[in-house]
PDB file of N, CA and C in Angstrom:
ATOM      1  N   MET A   1       0.867  -1.203   0.112  1.00  0.00           N
ATOM      2  CA  MET A   1       0.087   0.175   0.042  1.00  0.00           C
ATOM      3  C   MET A   1       0.966   1.247  -0.218  1.00  0.00           C
ATOM      4  N   LEU A   2       0.616   1.948  -1.068  1.00  0.00           N
ATOM      5  CA  LEU A   2       1.552   3.182  -1.386  1.00  0.00           C
ATOM      6  C   LEU A   2       0.729   4.373  -0.824  1.00  0.00           C
ATOM      7  N   ILE A   3       1.480   5.300  -0.129  1.00  0.00           N
ATOM      8  CA  ILE A   3       0.738   6.578   0.394  1.00  0.00           C
ATOM      9  C   ILE A   3       1.180   7.734  -0.478  1.00  0.00           C
ATOM     10  N   ASN A   4       0.543   8.520  -1.098  1.00  0.00           N
ATOM     11  CA  ASN A   4       0.782   9.716  -1.681  1.00  0.00           C
ATOM     12  C   ASN A   4       1.132  10.839  -0.949  1.00  0.00           C
ATOM     13  N   THR A   5       2.303  11.208  -0.762  1.00  0.00           N
ATOM     14  CA  THR A   5       2.652  12.424   0.350  1.00  0.00           C
ATOM     15  C   THR A   5       2.052  13.714  -0.312  1.00  0.00           C
ATOM     16  N   GLU A   6       1.881  13.830  -1.419  1.00  0.00           N
ATOM     17  CA  GLU A   6       1.177  15.217  -1.679  1.00  0.00           C
ATOM     18  C   GLU A   6      -0.423  15.177  -1.482  1.00  0.00           C
ATOM     19  N   HIS A   7      -0.976  14.196  -1.708  1.00  0.00           N
ATOM     20  CA  HIS A   7      -2.415  13.940  -1.124  1.00  0.00           C
ATOM     21  C   HIS A   7      -2.392  14.180   0.545  1.00  0.00           C
ATOM     22  N   LEU A   8      -1.589  13.281   1.096  1.00  0.00           N
ATOM     23  CA  LEU A   8      -1.547  13.698   2.648  1.00  0.00           C
ATOM     24  C   LEU A   8      -1.349  14.947   3.255  1.00  0.00           C
ATOM     25  N   ILE A   9      -0.301  15.702   2.617  1.00  0.00           N
ATOM     26  CA  ILE A   9      -0.038  17.056   2.992  1.00  0.00           C
ATOM     27  C   ILE A   9      -1.359  17.937   2.754  1.00  0.00           C
ATOM     28  N   GLU A  10      -1.684  17.564   1.574  1.00  0.00           N
ATOM     29  CA  GLU A  10      -3.211  18.436   1.107  1.00  0.00           C
ATOM     30  C   GLU A  10      -4.453  18.060   1.962  1.00  0.00           C
ATOM     31  N   ALA A  11      -4.292  16.994   2.636  1.00  0.00           N
ATOM     32  CA  ALA A  11      -5.412  16.613   3.475  1.00  0.00           C
ATOM     33  C   ALA A  11      -5.228  17.076   4.837  1.00  0.00           C
ATOM     34  N   PHE A  12      -3.995  17.362   5.348  1.00  0.00           N
ATOM     35  CA  PHE A  12      -3.314  17.908   6.517  1.00  0.00           C
ATOM     36  C   PHE A  12      -3.819  19.562   6.591  1.00  0.00           C
ATOM     37  N   LYS A  13      -3.534  20.025   5.203  1.00  0.00           N
ATOM     38  CA  LYS A  13      -3.878  21.630   5.073  1.00  0.00           C
ATOM     39  C   LYS A  13      -5.254  21.785   5.412  1.00  0.00           C
ATOM     40  N   ILE A  14      -6.311  20.953   4.593  1.00  0.00           N
ATOM     41  CA  ILE A  14      -7.818  21.211   4.941  1.00  0.00           C
ATOM     42  C   ILE A  14      -8.178  20.791   6.146  1.00  0.00           C
ATOM     43  N   LEU A  15      -7.591  19.873   6.863  1.00  0.00           N
ATOM     44  CA  LEU A  15      -7.935  19.552   8.287  1.00  0.00           C
ATOM     45  C   LEU A  15      -7.401  20.626   9.005  1.00  0.00           C
ATOM     46  N   LEU A  16      -6.337  21.492   8.923  1.00  0.00           N
ATOM     47  CA  LEU A  16      -5.962  22.485   9.654  1.00  0.00           C
ATOM     48  C   LEU A  16      -6.742  23.818   9.403  1.00  0.00           C
ATOM     49  N   PHE A  17      -7.536  24.134   8.201  1.00  0.00           N
ATOM     50  CA  PHE A  17      -8.249  25.129   8.111  1.00  0.00           C
ATOM     51  C   PHE A  17      -9.660  24.770   8.454  1.00  0.00           C
ATOM     52  N   GLY A  18     -10.161  23.616   8.689  1.00  0.00           N
ATOM     53  CA  GLY A  18     -11.517  23.341   9.247  1.00  0.00           C
ATOM     54  C   GLY A  18     -11.321  23.408  10.664  1.00  0.00           C
ATOM     55  N   TRP A  19     -10.364  23.031  11.538  1.00  0.00           N
ATOM     56  CA  TRP A  19     -10.184  23.226  12.991  1.00  0.00           C
ATOM     57  C   TRP A  19      -9.983  24.773  13.328  1.00  0.00           C
ATOM     58  N   ALA A  20      -9.343  25.415  12.393  1.00  0.00           N
ATOM     59  CA  ALA A  20      -9.046  26.681  12.489  1.00  0.00           C
ATOM     60  C   ALA A  20     -10.525  27.882  12.438  1.00  0.00           C
ATOM     61  N   GLY A  21     -11.161  27.179  11.618  1.00  0.00           N
ATOM     62  CA  GLY A  21     -12.330  27.674  11.255  1.00  0.00           C
ATOM     63  C   GLY A  21     -13.252  27.721  12.473  1.00  0.00           C
ATOM     64  N   ILE A  22     -13.365  26.235  12.989  1.00  0.00           N
ATOM     65  CA  ILE A  22     -14.162  26.157  14.258  1.00  0.00           C
ATOM     66  C   ILE A  22     -13.820  26.861  15.370  1.00  0.00           C
ATOM     67  N   PHE A  23     -12.388  26.845  15.739  1.00  0.00           N
ATOM     68  CA  PHE A  23     -11.967  27.582  16.639  1.00  0.00           C
ATOM     69  C   PHE A  23     -12.012  29.279  16.563  1.00  0.00           C
ATOM     70  N   LEU A  24     -12.314  29.582  15.442  1.00  0.00           N
ATOM     71  CA  LEU A  24     -12.370  31.156  15.123  1.00  0.00           C
ATOM     72  C   LEU A  24     -13.819  31.337  15.406  1.00  0.00           C
ATOM     73  N   VAL A  25     -14.810  30.496  15.036  1.00  0.00           N
ATOM     74  CA  VAL A  25     -16.358  30.778  15.415  1.00  0.00           C
ATOM     75  C   VAL A  25     -16.590  30.816  16.791  1.00  0.00           C
ATOM     76  N   LEU A  26     -15.659  29.736  17.517  1.00  0.00           N
ATOM     77  CA  LEU A  26     -16.058  29.712  18.972  1.00  0.00           C
ATOM     78  C   LEU A  26     -15.500  30.933  19.820  1.00  0.00           C
ATOM     79  N   PHE A  27     -14.360  31.385  19.290  1.00  0.00           N
ATOM     80  CA  PHE A  27     -13.836  32.547  19.789  1.00  0.00           C
ATOM     81  C   PHE A  27     -14.664  33.812  19.573  1.00  0.00           C
ATOM     82  N   ILE A  28     -15.408  34.127  18.337  1.00  0.00           N
ATOM     83  CA  ILE A  28     -16.167  35.013  18.026  1.00  0.00           C
ATOM     84  C   ILE A  28     -17.359  34.905  18.829  1.00  0.00           C
ATOM     85  N   LEU A  29     -17.999  33.727  19.020  1.00  0.00           N
ATOM     86  CA  LEU A  29     -19.258  33.452  20.024  1.00  0.00           C
ATOM     87  C   LEU A  29     -18.781  34.020  21.356  1.00  0.00           C
ATOM     88  N   TYR A  30     -17.720  33.495  21.900  1.00  0.00           N
ATOM     89  CA  TYR A  30     -17.135  33.792  23.117  1.00  0.00           C
ATOM     90  C   TYR A  30     -17.243  35.629  23.358  1.00  0.00           C
ATOM     91  N   GLY A  31     -16.629  36.134  22.312  1.00  0.00           N
ATOM     92  CA  GLY A  31     -16.423  37.291  22.499  1.00  0.00           C
ATOM     93  C   GLY A  31     -17.639  38.082  22.477  1.00  0.00           C
ATOM     94  N   VAL A  32     -18.741  37.888  21.429  1.00  0.00           N
ATOM     95  CA  VAL A  32     -19.701  38.430  21.431  1.00  0.00           C
ATOM     96  C   VAL A  32     -20.752  38.199  22.724  1.00  0.00           C
ATOM     97  N   SER A  33     -20.471  37.097  23.510  1.00  0.00           N
ATOM     98  CA  SER A  33     -21.331  36.804  24.743  1.00  0.00           C
ATOM     99  C   SER A  33     -20.540  37.803  25.887  1.00  0.00           C
ATOM    100  N   LEU A  34     -19.185  37.797  25.869  1.00  0.00           N
ATOM    101  CA  LEU A  34     -18.701  38.654  26.713  1.00  0.00           C
ATOM    102  C   LEU A  34     -19.373  40.204  26.741  1.00  0.00           C
ATOM    103  N   LEU A  35     -19.210  40.628  25.174  1.00  0.00           N
ATOM    104  CA  LEU A  35     -19.759  42.067  25.059  1.00  0.00           C
ATOM    105  C   LEU A  35     -21.495  42.132  25.462  1.00  0.00           C
ATOM    106  N   LEU A  36     -22.226  41.074  25.310  1.00  0.00           N
ATOM    107  CA  LEU A  36     -23.252  41.205  25.556  1.00  0.00           C
ATOM    108  C   LEU A  36     -23.548  41.256  27.144  1.00  0.00           C
ATOM    109  N   LEU A  37     -22.828  40.583  27.919  1.00  0.00           N
ATOM    110  CA  LEU A  37     -22.758  40.542  29.414  1.00  0.00           C
ATOM    111  C   LEU A  37     -22.391  42.093  30.048  1.00  0.00           C
ATOM    112  N   LYS A  38     -21.350  42.622  29.310  1.00  0.00           N
ATOM    113  CA  LYS A  38     -21.021  44.045  29.552  1.00  0.00           C
ATOM    114  C   LYS A  38     -22.357  44.861  29.070  1.00  0.00           C
ATOM    115  N   ALA A  39     -22.692  44.794  28.207  1.00  0.00           N
ATOM    116  CA  ALA A  39     -23.771  45.742  27.628  1.00  0.00           C
ATOM    117  C   ALA A  39     -25.304  45.493  28.411  1.00  0.00           C
ATOM    118  N   PHE A  40     -25.363  44.179  28.880  1.00  0.00           N
ATOM    119  CA  PHE A  40     -26.485  43.993  29.441  1.00  0.00           C
ATOM    120  C   PHE A  40     -26.273  43.139  30.816  1.00  0.00           C
ATOM    121  N   PRO A  41     -25.757  43.790  31.961  1.00  0.00           N
ATOM    122  CA  PRO A  41     -25.321  43.009  33.177  1.00  0.00           C
ATOM    123  C   PRO A  41     -26.389  42.458  33.767  1.00  0.00           C
ATOM    124  N   VAL A  42     -26.192  41.171  34.552  1.00  0.00           N
ATOM    125  CA  VAL A  42     -27.147  40.498  35.106  1.00  0.00           C
ATOM    126  C   VAL A  42     -27.429  41.403  36.531  1.00  0.00           C
ATOM    127  N   LYS A  43     -28.798  41.741  36.735  1.00  0.00           N
ATOM    128  CA  LYS A  43     -29.340  42.452  37.877  1.00  0.00           C
ATOM    129  C   LYS A  43     -29.467  41.407  39.007  1.00  0.00           C
ATOM    130  N   GLU A  44     -29.051  42.117  40.238  1.00  0.00           N
ATOM    131  CA  GLU A  44     -28.944  41.065  41.299  1.00  0.00           C
ATOM    132  C   GLU A  44     -30.212  41.786  42.163  1.00  0.00           C
ATOM    133  N   ASP A  45     -31.273  40.563  42.602  1.00  0.00           N
ATOM    134  CA  ASP A  45     -32.246  40.742  43.345  1.00  0.00           C
ATOM    135  C   ASP A  45     -31.900  40.985  44.943  1.00  0.00           C
ATOM    136  N   GLU A  46     -32.488  42.126  45.380  1.00  0.00           N
ATOM    137  CA  GLU A  46     -32.318  42.480  46.607  1.00  0.00           C
ATOM    138  C   GLU A  46     -33.703  42.534  47.737  1.00  0.00           C
TER     139      GLU A  46
END
């Protein structure tokens, strides 16, 4: 069984872009949630 290294490198590039996209979206959602918490803070009931 022969493995074509060019295809393997291309597959790893696609994998890297996919994971980078996932983490980018997660960080954007985290940042937006922090901004919303600052804009609309939780009110304490007393």
